[in-house]
PDB file of N, CA and C in Angstrom:
ATOM      1  N   MET A   1      69.065  62.888  97.227  1.00  0.00           N
ATOM      2  CA  MET A   1      69.694  63.860  97.404  1.00  0.00           C
ATOM      3  C   MET A   1      69.450  65.856  97.306  1.00  0.00           C
ATOM      4  N   TYR A   2      68.824  66.200  96.726  1.00  0.00           N
ATOM      5  CA  TYR A   2      68.103  67.277  96.852  1.00  0.00           C
ATOM      6  C   TYR A   2      67.267  67.577  98.296  1.00  0.00           C
ATOM      7  N   ALA A   3      66.534  66.129  99.128  1.00  0.00           N
ATOM      8  CA  ALA A   3      66.110  66.080 100.366  1.00  0.00           C
ATOM      9  C   ALA A   3      67.380  66.986 101.272  1.00  0.00           C
ATOM     10  N   SER A   4      68.118  66.396 101.388  1.00  0.00           N
ATOM     11  CA  SER A   4      69.386  66.695 102.416  1.00  0.00           C
ATOM     12  C   SER A   4      69.637  68.278 102.164  1.00  0.00           C
ATOM     13  N   ALA A   5      69.545  69.182 100.497  1.00  0.00           N
ATOM     14  CA  ALA A   5      69.827  69.961 100.855  1.00  0.00           C
ATOM     15  C   ALA A   5      68.840  71.332 101.069  1.00  0.00           C
ATOM     16  N   ILE A   6      67.470  70.493 100.934  1.00  0.00           N
ATOM     17  CA  ILE A   6      66.734  71.363 101.344  1.00  0.00           C
ATOM     18  C   ILE A   6      66.651  71.410 102.558  1.00  0.00           C
ATOM     19  N   ALA A   7      66.582  70.187 103.336  1.00  0.00           N
ATOM     20  CA  ALA A   7      66.829  70.277 104.985  1.00  0.00           C
ATOM     21  C   ALA A   7      67.847  71.178 105.824  1.00  0.00           C
ATOM     22  N   TRP A   8      69.199  70.936 104.949  1.00  0.00           N
ATOM     23  CA  TRP A   8      70.240  72.013 105.021  1.00  0.00           C
ATOM     24  C   TRP A   8      69.825  73.419 105.153  1.00  0.00           C
ATOM     25  N   SER A   9      69.585  73.754 104.485  1.00  0.00           N
ATOM     26  CA  SER A   9      68.499  75.422 103.795  1.00  0.00           C
ATOM     27  C   SER A   9      67.350  75.530 104.885  1.00  0.00           C
ATOM     28  N   ALA A  10      66.689  74.425 105.106  1.00  0.00           N
ATOM     29  CA  ALA A  10      65.513  74.744 106.176  1.00  0.00           C
ATOM     30  C   ALA A  10      66.086  75.224 107.748  1.00  0.00           C
ATOM     31  N   HIS A  11      67.266  74.314 107.860  1.00  0.00           N
ATOM     32  CA  HIS A  11      67.805  74.151 109.271  1.00  0.00           C
ATOM     33  C   HIS A  11      69.024  75.821 109.270  1.00  0.00           C
ATOM     34  N   ASN A  12      69.549  76.114 108.429  1.00  0.00           N
ATOM     35  CA  ASN A  12      69.911  77.321 108.565  1.00  0.00           C
ATOM     36  C   ASN A  12      69.172  78.470 108.567  1.00  0.00           C
ATOM     37  N   SER A  13      68.009  78.435 107.856  1.00  0.00           N
ATOM     38  CA  SER A  13      67.320  79.402 108.272  1.00  0.00           C
ATOM     39  C   SER A  13      66.294  79.644 109.524  1.00  0.00           C
ATOM     40  N   ARG A  14      66.396  78.522 110.235  1.00  0.00           N
ATOM     41  CA  ARG A  14      65.566  78.331 111.444  1.00  0.00           C
ATOM     42  C   ARG A  14      66.885  78.672 112.528  1.00  0.00           C
ATOM     43  N   ALA A  15      68.040  79.181 112.260  1.00  0.00           N
ATOM     44  CA  ALA A  15      69.239  78.944 113.417  1.00  0.00           C
ATOM     45  C   ALA A  15      69.380  80.799 112.518  1.00  0.00           C
ATOM     46  N   GLY A  16      69.000  81.106 111.722  1.00  0.00           N
ATOM     47  CA  GLY A  16      68.755  82.648 111.392  1.00  0.00           C
ATOM     48  C   GLY A  16      70.582  82.837 110.390  1.00  0.00           C
ATOM     49  N   ILE A  17      70.901  81.772 109.880  1.00  0.00           N
ATOM     50  CA  ILE A  17      72.058  82.145 108.947  1.00  0.00           C
ATOM     51  C   ILE A  17      71.561  82.110 107.427  1.00  0.00           C
ATOM     52  N   GLU A  18      72.107  83.113 107.710  1.00  0.00           N
ATOM     53  CA  GLU A  18      71.793  83.435 105.623  1.00  0.00           C
ATOM     54  C   GLU A  18      71.826  82.463 104.537  1.00  0.00           C
ATOM     55  N   ASP A  19      71.456  81.989 103.940  1.00  0.00           N
ATOM     56  CA  ASP A  19      72.364  81.478 102.325  1.00  0.00           C
ATOM     57  C   ASP A  19      73.333  83.054 101.439  1.00  0.00           C
ATOM     58  N   ARG A  20      74.669  82.769 101.733  1.00  0.00           N
ATOM     59  CA  ARG A  20      75.286  84.041 101.442  1.00  0.00           C
ATOM     60  C   ARG A  20      76.199  83.279 100.274  1.00  0.00           C
ATOM     61  N   PRO A  21      76.350  83.529  99.028  1.00  0.00           N
ATOM     62  CA  PRO A  21      77.983  83.446  98.388  1.00  0.00           C
ATOM     63  C   PRO A  21      79.558  83.228  98.526  1.00  0.00           C
ATOM     64  N   LEU A  22      80.188  82.397  98.802  1.00  0.00           N
ATOM     65  CA  LEU A  22      81.039  82.339  99.243  1.00  0.00           C
ATOM     66  C   LEU A  22      81.568  83.525  99.493  1.00  0.00           C
ATOM     67  N   TRP A  23      81.675  84.592  98.627  1.00  0.00           N
ATOM     68  CA  TRP A  23      82.849  85.661  98.462  1.00  0.00           C
ATOM     69  C   TRP A  23      82.533  86.630  99.496  1.00  0.00           C
ATOM     70  N   SER A  24      81.302  86.759 100.151  1.00  0.00           N
ATOM     71  CA  SER A  24      80.590  87.747 100.915  1.00  0.00           C
ATOM     72  C   SER A  24      81.372  87.027 102.255  1.00  0.00           C
ATOM     73  N   THR A  25      81.580  86.368 102.714  1.00  0.00           N
ATOM     74  CA  THR A  25      81.967  86.249 103.891  1.00  0.00           C
ATOM     75  C   THR A  25      83.640  86.333 104.179  1.00  0.00           C
ATOM     76  N   THR A  26      84.047  86.684 103.489  1.00  0.00           N
ATOM     77  CA  THR A  26      85.456  87.586 103.876  1.00  0.00           C
ATOM     78  C   THR A  26      85.438  88.771 105.043  1.00  0.00           C
ATOM     79  N   LEU A  27      86.640  89.226 105.238  1.00  0.00           N
ATOM     80  CA  LEU A  27      86.346  91.072 105.957  1.00  0.00           C
ATOM     81  C   LEU A  27      85.322  91.587 105.461  1.00  0.00           C
ATOM     82  N   GLY A  28      84.676  92.268 105.982  1.00  0.00           N
ATOM     83  CA  GLY A  28      83.731  93.125 105.432  1.00  0.00           C
ATOM     84  C   GLY A  28      82.817  92.641 105.049  1.00  0.00           C
ATOM     85  N   THR A  29      81.860  92.096 105.909  1.00  0.00           N
ATOM     86  CA  THR A  29      80.628  90.937 105.508  1.00  0.00           C
ATOM     87  C   THR A  29      79.989  92.164 105.193  1.00  0.00           C
ATOM     88  N   GLY A  30      79.118  92.162 103.533  1.00  0.00           N
ATOM     89  CA  GLY A  30      78.128  93.385 103.457  1.00  0.00           C
ATOM     90  C   GLY A  30      78.866  95.459 103.206  1.00  0.00           C
ATOM     91  N   ARG A  31      80.070  94.744 102.691  1.00  0.00           N
ATOM     92  CA  ARG A  31      80.628  96.321 102.856  1.00  0.00           C
ATOM     93  C   ARG A  31      81.314  95.845 101.137  1.00  0.00           C
ATOM     94  N   ARG A  32      81.924  97.847 101.033  1.00  0.00           N
ATOM     95  CA  ARG A  32      82.459  97.833  99.583  1.00  0.00           C
ATOM     96  C   ARG A  32      83.503  97.500  99.849  1.00  0.00           C
ATOM     97  N   PRO A  33      84.687  96.283  99.505  1.00  0.00           N
ATOM     98  CA  PRO A  33      86.140  95.981  99.266  1.00  0.00           C
ATOM     99  C   PRO A  33      87.070  96.798  99.243  1.00  0.00           C
ATOM    100  N   ARG A  34      86.672  97.961  98.729  1.00  0.00           N
ATOM    101  CA  ARG A  34      87.691  99.383  98.299  1.00  0.00           C
ATOM    102  C   ARG A  34      89.278  99.219  99.155  1.00  0.00           C
ATOM    103  N   PRO A  35      89.010  99.594 100.292  1.00  0.00           N
ATOM    104  CA  PRO A  35      90.045  99.224 101.482  1.00  0.00           C
ATOM    105  C   PRO A  35      90.809  98.598 101.238  1.00  0.00           C
ATOM    106  N   LEU A  36      90.776  97.127 100.696  1.00  0.00           N
ATOM    107  CA  LEU A  36      91.381  95.985 101.103  1.00  0.00           C
ATOM    108  C   LEU A  36      91.455  95.721  99.519  1.00  0.00           C
ATOM    109  N   LEU A  37      90.866  96.103  98.842  1.00  0.00           N
ATOM    110  CA  LEU A  37      91.165  95.857  97.168  1.00  0.00           C
ATOM    111  C   LEU A  37      92.542  97.043  96.789  1.00  0.00           C
ATOM    112  N   ALA A  38      92.885  98.264  97.687  1.00  0.00           N
ATOM    113  CA  ALA A  38      94.006  99.385  97.201  1.00  0.00           C
ATOM    114  C   ALA A  38      94.653  98.851  98.144  1.00  0.00           C
ATOM    115  N   SER A  39      94.780  98.396  99.089  1.00  0.00           N
ATOM    116  CA  SER A  39      96.116  97.318  99.727  1.00  0.00           C
ATOM    117  C   SER A  39      96.211  96.837  98.908  1.00  0.00           C
ATOM    118  N   ALA A  40      95.782  95.259  98.746  1.00  0.00           N
ATOM    119  CA  ALA A  40      96.077  94.689  97.792  1.00  0.00           C
ATOM    120  C   ALA A  40      96.998  94.914  96.482  1.00  0.00           C
ATOM    121  N   ALA A  41      96.325  96.104  95.923  1.00  0.00           N
ATOM    122  CA  ALA A  41      96.927  96.258  94.365  1.00  0.00           C
ATOM    123  C   ALA A  41      98.726  96.972  94.943  1.00  0.00           C
ATOM    124  N   THR A  42      97.924  97.608  95.973  1.00  0.00           N
ATOM    125  CA  THR A  42      99.736  98.147  96.162  1.00  0.00           C
ATOM    126  C   THR A  42     100.684  97.273  96.998  1.00  0.00           C
ATOM    127  N   TRP A  43     100.095  96.206  97.376  1.00  0.00           N
ATOM    128  CA  TRP A  43     101.212  95.948  97.281  1.00  0.00           C
ATOM    129  C   TRP A  43     101.543  94.984  96.091  1.00  0.00           C
ATOM    130  N   LEU A  44     100.378  94.472  94.859  1.00  0.00           N
ATOM    131  CA  LEU A  44     100.908  93.953  94.001  1.00  0.00           C
ATOM    132  C   LEU A  44     102.014  95.009  93.549  1.00  0.00           C
ATOM    133  N   LEU A  45     101.636  96.361  93.182  1.00  0.00           N
ATOM    134  CA  LEU A  45     102.968  97.402  92.556  1.00  0.00           C
ATOM    135  C   LEU A  45     104.309  97.014  92.942  1.00  0.00           C
ATOM    136  N   TYR A  46     104.020  96.553  94.133  1.00  0.00           N
ATOM    137  CA  TYR A  46     105.191  96.741  95.319  1.00  0.00           C
ATOM    138  C   TYR A  46     106.098  95.521  94.806  1.00  0.00           C
ATOM    139  N   ALA A  47     105.170  94.469  94.769  1.00  0.00           N
ATOM    140  CA  ALA A  47     106.186  93.123  94.325  1.00  0.00           C
ATOM    141  C   ALA A  47     106.692  93.228  92.905  1.00  0.00           C
ATOM    142  N   LEU A  48     105.818  94.074  91.972  1.00  0.00           N
ATOM    143  CA  LEU A  48     106.493  94.241  90.423  1.00  0.00           C
ATOM    144  C   LEU A  48     107.662  95.032  90.523  1.00  0.00           C
ATOM    145  N   TRP A  49     107.623  96.246  91.774  1.00  0.00           N
ATOM    146  CA  TRP A  49     108.782  97.055  91.782  1.00  0.00           C
ATOM    147  C   TRP A  49     109.884  96.176  92.149  1.00  0.00           C
ATOM    148  N   GLU A  50     110.073  95.422  93.273  1.00  0.00           N
ATOM    149  CA  GLU A  50     110.927  94.518  93.636  1.00  0.00           C
ATOM    150  C   GLU A  50     111.452  93.493  92.415  1.00  0.00           C
ATOM    151  N   TRP A  51     110.798  92.907  91.873  1.00  0.00           N
ATOM    152  CA  TRP A  51     111.152  92.067  90.827  1.00  0.00           C
ATOM    153  C   TRP A  51     111.857  92.818  89.839  1.00  0.00           C
ATOM    154  N   LEU A  52     111.748  94.186  89.507  1.00  0.00           N
ATOM    155  CA  LEU A  52     112.439  94.967  88.375  1.00  0.00           C
ATOM    156  C   LEU A  52     113.889  95.683  89.495  1.00  0.00           C
ATOM    157  N   VAL A  53     113.640  95.964  90.270  1.00  0.00           N
ATOM    158  CA  VAL A  53     115.197  96.420  90.989  1.00  0.00           C
ATOM    159  C   VAL A  53     116.067  94.996  91.083  1.00  0.00           C
ATOM    160  N   ASN A  54     115.283  93.807  91.423  1.00  0.00           N
ATOM    161  CA  ASN A  54     116.170  92.515  91.250  1.00  0.00           C
ATOM    162  C   ASN A  54     116.922  92.330  90.529  1.00  0.00           C
ATOM    163  N   VAL A  55     116.006  92.638  88.970  1.00  0.00           N
ATOM    164  CA  VAL A  55     116.373  92.193  87.537  1.00  0.00           C
ATOM    165  C   VAL A  55     117.418  92.860  87.336  1.00  0.00           C
ATOM    166  N   ARG A  56     116.905  94.401  87.591  1.00  0.00           N
ATOM    167  CA  ARG A  56     117.794  95.645  86.815  1.00  0.00           C
ATOM    168  C   ARG A  56     119.093  95.532  87.265  1.00  0.00           C
ATOM    169  N   THR A  57     119.242  95.127  88.642  1.00  0.00           N
ATOM    170  CA  THR A  57     120.152  96.063  90.008  1.00  0.00           C
ATOM    171  C   THR A  57     120.246  94.222  91.054  1.00  0.00           C
ATOM    172  N   PRO A  58     120.668  93.351  90.606  1.00  0.00           N
ATOM    173  CA  PRO A  58     121.131  92.202  91.282  1.00  0.00           C
ATOM    174  C   PRO A  58     121.925  92.487  92.562  1.00  0.00           C
ATOM    175  N   GLU A  59     122.613  93.044  92.609  1.00  0.00           N
ATOM    176  CA  GLU A  59     123.573  93.508  93.729  1.00  0.00           C
ATOM    177  C   GLU A  59     123.082  94.562  94.659  1.00  0.00           C
ATOM    178  N   ALA A  60     122.050  95.097  94.586  1.00  0.00           N
ATOM    179  CA  ALA A  60     121.994  96.059  95.127  1.00  0.00           C
ATOM    180  C   ALA A  60     120.910  95.199  96.768  1.00  0.00           C
ATOM    181  N   ASN A  61     121.363  95.611  97.560  1.00  0.00           N
ATOM    182  CA  ASN A  61     121.416  94.709  98.949  1.00  0.00           C
ATOM    183  C   ASN A  61     121.093  96.145  99.594  1.00  0.00           C
ATOM    184  N   ILE A  62     121.690  97.469 100.026  1.00  0.00           N
ATOM    185  CA  ILE A  62     120.886  98.632 100.753  1.00  0.00           C
ATOM    186  C   ILE A  62     120.141  99.658  99.847  1.00  0.00           C
ATOM    187  N   ARG A  63     119.078  99.465  99.994  1.00  0.00           N
ATOM    188  CA  ARG A  63     118.249 100.342  99.210  1.00  0.00           C
ATOM    189  C   ARG A  63     117.783 101.856 100.007  1.00  0.00           C
ATOM    190  N   VAL A  64     117.814 102.485  99.271  1.00  0.00           N
ATOM    191  CA  VAL A  64     116.757 103.663 100.222  1.00  0.00           C
ATOM    192  C   VAL A  64     115.344 104.673 100.326  1.00  0.00           C
ATOM    193  N   ASP A  65     115.285 103.486  99.082  1.00  0.00           N
ATOM    194  CA  ASP A  65     113.457 103.547  98.523  1.00  0.00           C
ATOM    195  C   ASP A  65     112.849 102.831  99.849  1.00  0.00           C
ATOM    196  N   LEU A  66     113.298 101.339 100.121  1.00  0.00           N
ATOM    197  CA  LEU A  66     112.441 101.250 101.142  1.00  0.00           C
ATOM    198  C   LEU A  66     112.172 101.568 102.607  1.00  0.00           C
ATOM    199  N   LEU A  67     113.495 103.053 102.867  1.00  0.00           N
ATOM    200  CA  LEU A  67     112.423 103.598 103.497  1.00  0.00           C
ATOM    201  C   LEU A  67     111.171 104.450 103.708  1.00  0.00           C
ATOM    202  N   LEU A  68     110.866 104.453 102.543  1.00  0.00           N
ATOM    203  CA  LEU A  68     109.723 105.197 101.743  1.00  0.00           C
ATOM    204  C   LEU A  68     108.305 104.109 101.562  1.00  0.00           C
ATOM    205  N   ILE A  69     109.057 103.425 101.122  1.00  0.00           N
ATOM    206  CA  ILE A  69     107.873 102.437 100.525  1.00  0.00           C
ATOM    207  C   ILE A  69     107.308 101.855 101.582  1.00  0.00           C
ATOM    208  N   TRP A  70     108.309 101.047 102.820  1.00  0.00           N
ATOM    209  CA  TRP A  70     107.687  99.999 103.527  1.00  0.00           C
ATOM    210  C   TRP A  70     106.237 101.132 104.643  1.00  0.00           C
ATOM    211  N   PRO A  71     107.079 102.025 105.512  1.00  0.00           N
ATOM    212  CA  PRO A  71     105.823 103.074 105.827  1.00  0.00           C
ATOM    213  C   PRO A  71     104.411 102.935 105.118  1.00  0.00           C
ATOM    214  N   VAL A  72     104.452 103.331 104.214  1.00  0.00           N
ATOM    215  CA  VAL A  72     103.186 103.680 103.073  1.00  0.00           C
ATOM    216  C   VAL A  72     102.585 102.445 102.995  1.00  0.00           C
ATOM    217  N   LEU A  73     103.549 101.463 102.502  1.00  0.00           N
ATOM    218  CA  LEU A  73     103.072  99.964 102.783  1.00  0.00           C
ATOM    219  C   LEU A  73     102.036  99.369 104.262  1.00  0.00           C
ATOM    220  N   ALA A  74     102.718  99.703 105.256  1.00  0.00           N
ATOM    221  CA  ALA A  74     102.270  99.506 106.628  1.00  0.00           C
ATOM    222  C   ALA A  74     101.139 100.417 107.080  1.00  0.00           C
ATOM    223  N   ALA A  75     100.804 101.357 106.759  1.00  0.00           N
ATOM    224  CA  ALA A  75     100.400 102.589 107.277  1.00  0.00           C
ATOM    225  C   ALA A  75      98.875 102.318 106.239  1.00  0.00           C
ATOM    226  N   LEU A  76      98.937 101.557 104.637  1.00  0.00           N
ATOM    227  CA  LEU A  76      97.735 101.851 103.678  1.00  0.00           C
ATOM    228  C   LEU A  76      97.089  99.975 104.705  1.00  0.00           C
ATOM    229  N   SER A  77      98.124  99.134 104.954  1.00  0.00           N
ATOM    230  CA  SER A  77      97.503  97.776 105.285  1.00  0.00           C
ATOM    231  C   SER A  77      96.778  98.112 106.355  1.00  0.00           C
ATOM    232  N   ALA A  78      97.041  98.777 107.329  1.00  0.00           N
ATOM    233  CA  ALA A  78      96.634  98.984 108.717  1.00  0.00           C
ATOM    234  C   ALA A  78      95.042  99.691 108.441  1.00  0.00           C
ATOM    235  N   TRP A  79      95.392 100.055 107.628  1.00  0.00           N
ATOM    236  CA  TRP A  79      93.792 101.481 107.494  1.00  0.00           C
ATOM    237  C   TRP A  79      93.078 100.399 107.014  1.00  0.00           C
ATOM    238  N   ALA A  80      93.825  99.836 105.864  1.00  0.00           N
ATOM    239  CA  ALA A  80      92.576  98.391 105.158  1.00  0.00           C
ATOM    240  C   ALA A  80      92.143  98.010 106.378  1.00  0.00           C
ATOM    241  N   LEU A  81      92.828  97.097 107.246  1.00  0.00           N
ATOM    242  CA  LEU A  81      92.104  96.272 107.654  1.00  0.00           C
ATOM    243  C   LEU A  81      91.349  97.141 108.476  1.00  0.00           C
ATOM    244  N   PHE A  82      91.599  98.299 109.143  1.00  0.00           N
ATOM    245  CA  PHE A  82      90.970  99.325 109.992  1.00  0.00           C
ATOM    246  C   PHE A  82      89.284  99.749 109.614  1.00  0.00           C
ATOM    247  N   ARG A  83      89.209  99.278 107.979  1.00  0.00           N
ATOM    248  CA  ARG A  83      88.176 100.043 107.338  1.00  0.00           C
ATOM    249  C   ARG A  83      87.656  99.004 107.667  1.00  0.00           C
ATOM    250  N   ALA A  84      88.079  97.669 107.214  1.00  0.00           N
ATOM    251  CA  ALA A  84      87.076  96.243 106.639  1.00  0.00           C
ATOM    252  C   ALA A  84      86.901  95.488 107.826  1.00  0.00           C
ATOM    253  N   LEU A  85      87.550  95.911 109.511  1.00  0.00           N
ATOM    254  CA  LEU A  85      86.673  95.305 110.619  1.00  0.00           C
ATOM    255  C   LEU A  85      85.654  96.298 111.031  1.00  0.00           C
ATOM    256  N   ARG A  86      85.799  97.372 110.523  1.00  0.00           N
ATOM    257  CA  ARG A  86      85.217  98.371 111.559  1.00  0.00           C
ATOM    258  C   ARG A  86      83.255  98.405 111.268  1.00  0.00           C
TER     259      ARG A  86
END
């Protein structure tokens, strides 16, 4: 059982593939994930805001606050992807 793992590791070393943890294979490998975390946290806050609006005023179907929120979320998401892929 261990022989196959050693053979796999030796093969990866010859191929130039490093043994890295699974979490380091995401966007922005080797970089700080702060832009992606900031974008994810902002989307989480938006989801909480939407839930709160839905609970407090379920009949609200025309909302002006989305005119400000959606462009900010779109710009922040685009910036985070740009930083992650740069």
